[in-house]
C-alpha atoms as a PDB file:
ATOM      1  CA  MET A   1      -4.710 -16.394  -2.783  1.00  0.00           C
ATOM      2  CA  LEU A   2      -1.064 -16.231  -3.195  1.00  0.00           C
ATOM      3  CA  LYS A   3       0.916 -19.111  -2.211  1.00  0.00           C
ATOM      4  CA  HIS A   4       4.074 -18.777   0.846  1.00  0.00           C
ATOM      5  CA  GLY A   5       6.847 -16.924  -0.371  1.00  0.00           C
ATOM      6  CA  GLU A   6       4.871 -15.821  -4.006  1.00  0.00           C
ATOM      7  CA  TRP A   7       4.094 -11.871  -2.757  1.00  0.00           C
ATOM      8  CA  GLY A   8       7.452 -10.417  -4.326  1.00  0.00           C
ATOM      9  CA  GLN A   9       6.967 -12.164  -7.269  1.00  0.00           C
ATOM     10  CA  TRP A  10       3.558 -11.346  -7.927  1.00  0.00           C
ATOM     11  CA  LEU A  11       4.195  -7.598  -6.267  1.00  0.00           C
ATOM     12  CA  GLU A  12       6.675  -7.261  -8.860  1.00  0.00           C
ATOM     13  CA  GLU A  13       4.660  -8.345 -11.626  1.00  0.00           C
ATOM     14  CA  SER A  14       1.695  -6.514 -10.619  1.00  0.00           C
ATOM     15  CA  VAL A  15       2.772  -2.933  -9.668  1.00  0.00           C
ATOM     16  CA  SER A  16       5.182  -0.222  -9.992  1.00  0.00           C
ATOM     17  CA  TYR A  17       6.080   0.604  -6.555  1.00  0.00           C
ATOM     18  CA  SER A  18       8.745  -1.267  -3.921  1.00  0.00           C
ATOM     19  CA  HIS A  19       8.360  -3.913  -1.405  1.00  0.00           C
ATOM     20  CA  SER A  20       8.784  -1.351   1.320  1.00  0.00           C
ATOM     21  CA  THR A  21       5.655   1.093   0.049  1.00  0.00           C
ATOM     22  CA  ALA A  22       3.441  -1.659  -0.527  1.00  0.00           C
ATOM     23  CA  THR A  23       3.631  -2.516   3.212  1.00  0.00           C
ATOM     24  CA  ARG A  24       3.431   1.224   4.026  1.00  0.00           C
ATOM     25  CA  LEU A  25      -0.043   1.019   2.201  1.00  0.00           C
ATOM     26  CA  ILE A  26      -0.766  -2.289   3.958  1.00  0.00           C
ATOM     27  CA  GLN A  27      -0.459  -0.384   7.176  1.00  0.00           C
ATOM     28  CA  ILE A  28      -2.111   2.693   6.439  1.00  0.00           C
ATOM     29  CA  PHE A  29      -5.298   0.447   5.249  1.00  0.00           C
ATOM     30  CA  LYS A  30      -5.008  -1.962   8.561  1.00  0.00           C
ATOM     31  CA  GLU A  31      -5.197   1.422  10.481  1.00  0.00           C
ATOM     32  CA  HIS A  32      -7.515   3.944   8.549  1.00  0.00           C
ATOM     33  CA  GLY A  33      -9.069   1.370   6.449  1.00  0.00           C
ATOM     34  CA  PRO A  34     -12.495   2.795   5.059  1.00  0.00           C
ATOM     35  CA  LYS A  35     -12.582   5.767   6.957  1.00  0.00           C
ATOM     36  CA  LEU A  36      -9.508   6.972   5.084  1.00  0.00           C
ATOM     37  CA  PRO A  37     -10.670  10.850   4.434  1.00  0.00           C
ATOM     38  CA  ALA A  38     -11.935  11.560   0.841  1.00  0.00           C
ATOM     39  CA  SER A  39      -8.653  14.002   1.540  1.00  0.00           C
ATOM     40  CA  LEU A  40      -5.958  11.335   1.582  1.00  0.00           C
ATOM     41  CA  ARG A  41      -7.244   8.840  -1.330  1.00  0.00           C
ATOM     42  CA  GLY A  42      -5.096   9.565  -4.576  1.00  0.00           C
ATOM     43  CA  THR A  43      -1.970   8.392  -6.132  1.00  0.00           C
ATOM     44  CA  THR A  44       0.361   6.825  -4.059  1.00  0.00           C
ATOM     45  CA  ALA A  45       3.098   9.268  -3.638  1.00  0.00           C
ATOM     46  CA  GLN A  46      -0.089  11.633  -2.476  1.00  0.00           C
ATOM     47  CA  ILE A  47      -1.459   8.901   0.175  1.00  0.00           C
ATOM     48  CA  MET A  48       2.499   8.406   1.401  1.00  0.00           C
ATOM     49  CA  GLN A  49       2.974  12.181   1.804  1.00  0.00           C
ATOM     50  CA  ARG A  50       0.071  12.430   4.353  1.00  0.00           C
ATOM     51  CA  CYS A  51       0.551   9.527   6.130  1.00  0.00           C
ATOM     52  CA  THR A  52       2.819   9.175   8.463  1.00  0.00           C
ATOM     53  CA  ILE A  53       4.443   5.030  10.158  1.00  0.00           C
END
């Protein structure tokens, strides 16, 4: 678990996408979670193209 204020640094060091993309992916998971159809699984770009938030 990250301490308060460490999210941005962790994100920058751990993934290759922006804070806004991470936020959108979190929202997609919250809304769809394990119910996300197999057709929507794939790369970050593919997921972002198919989902509207």
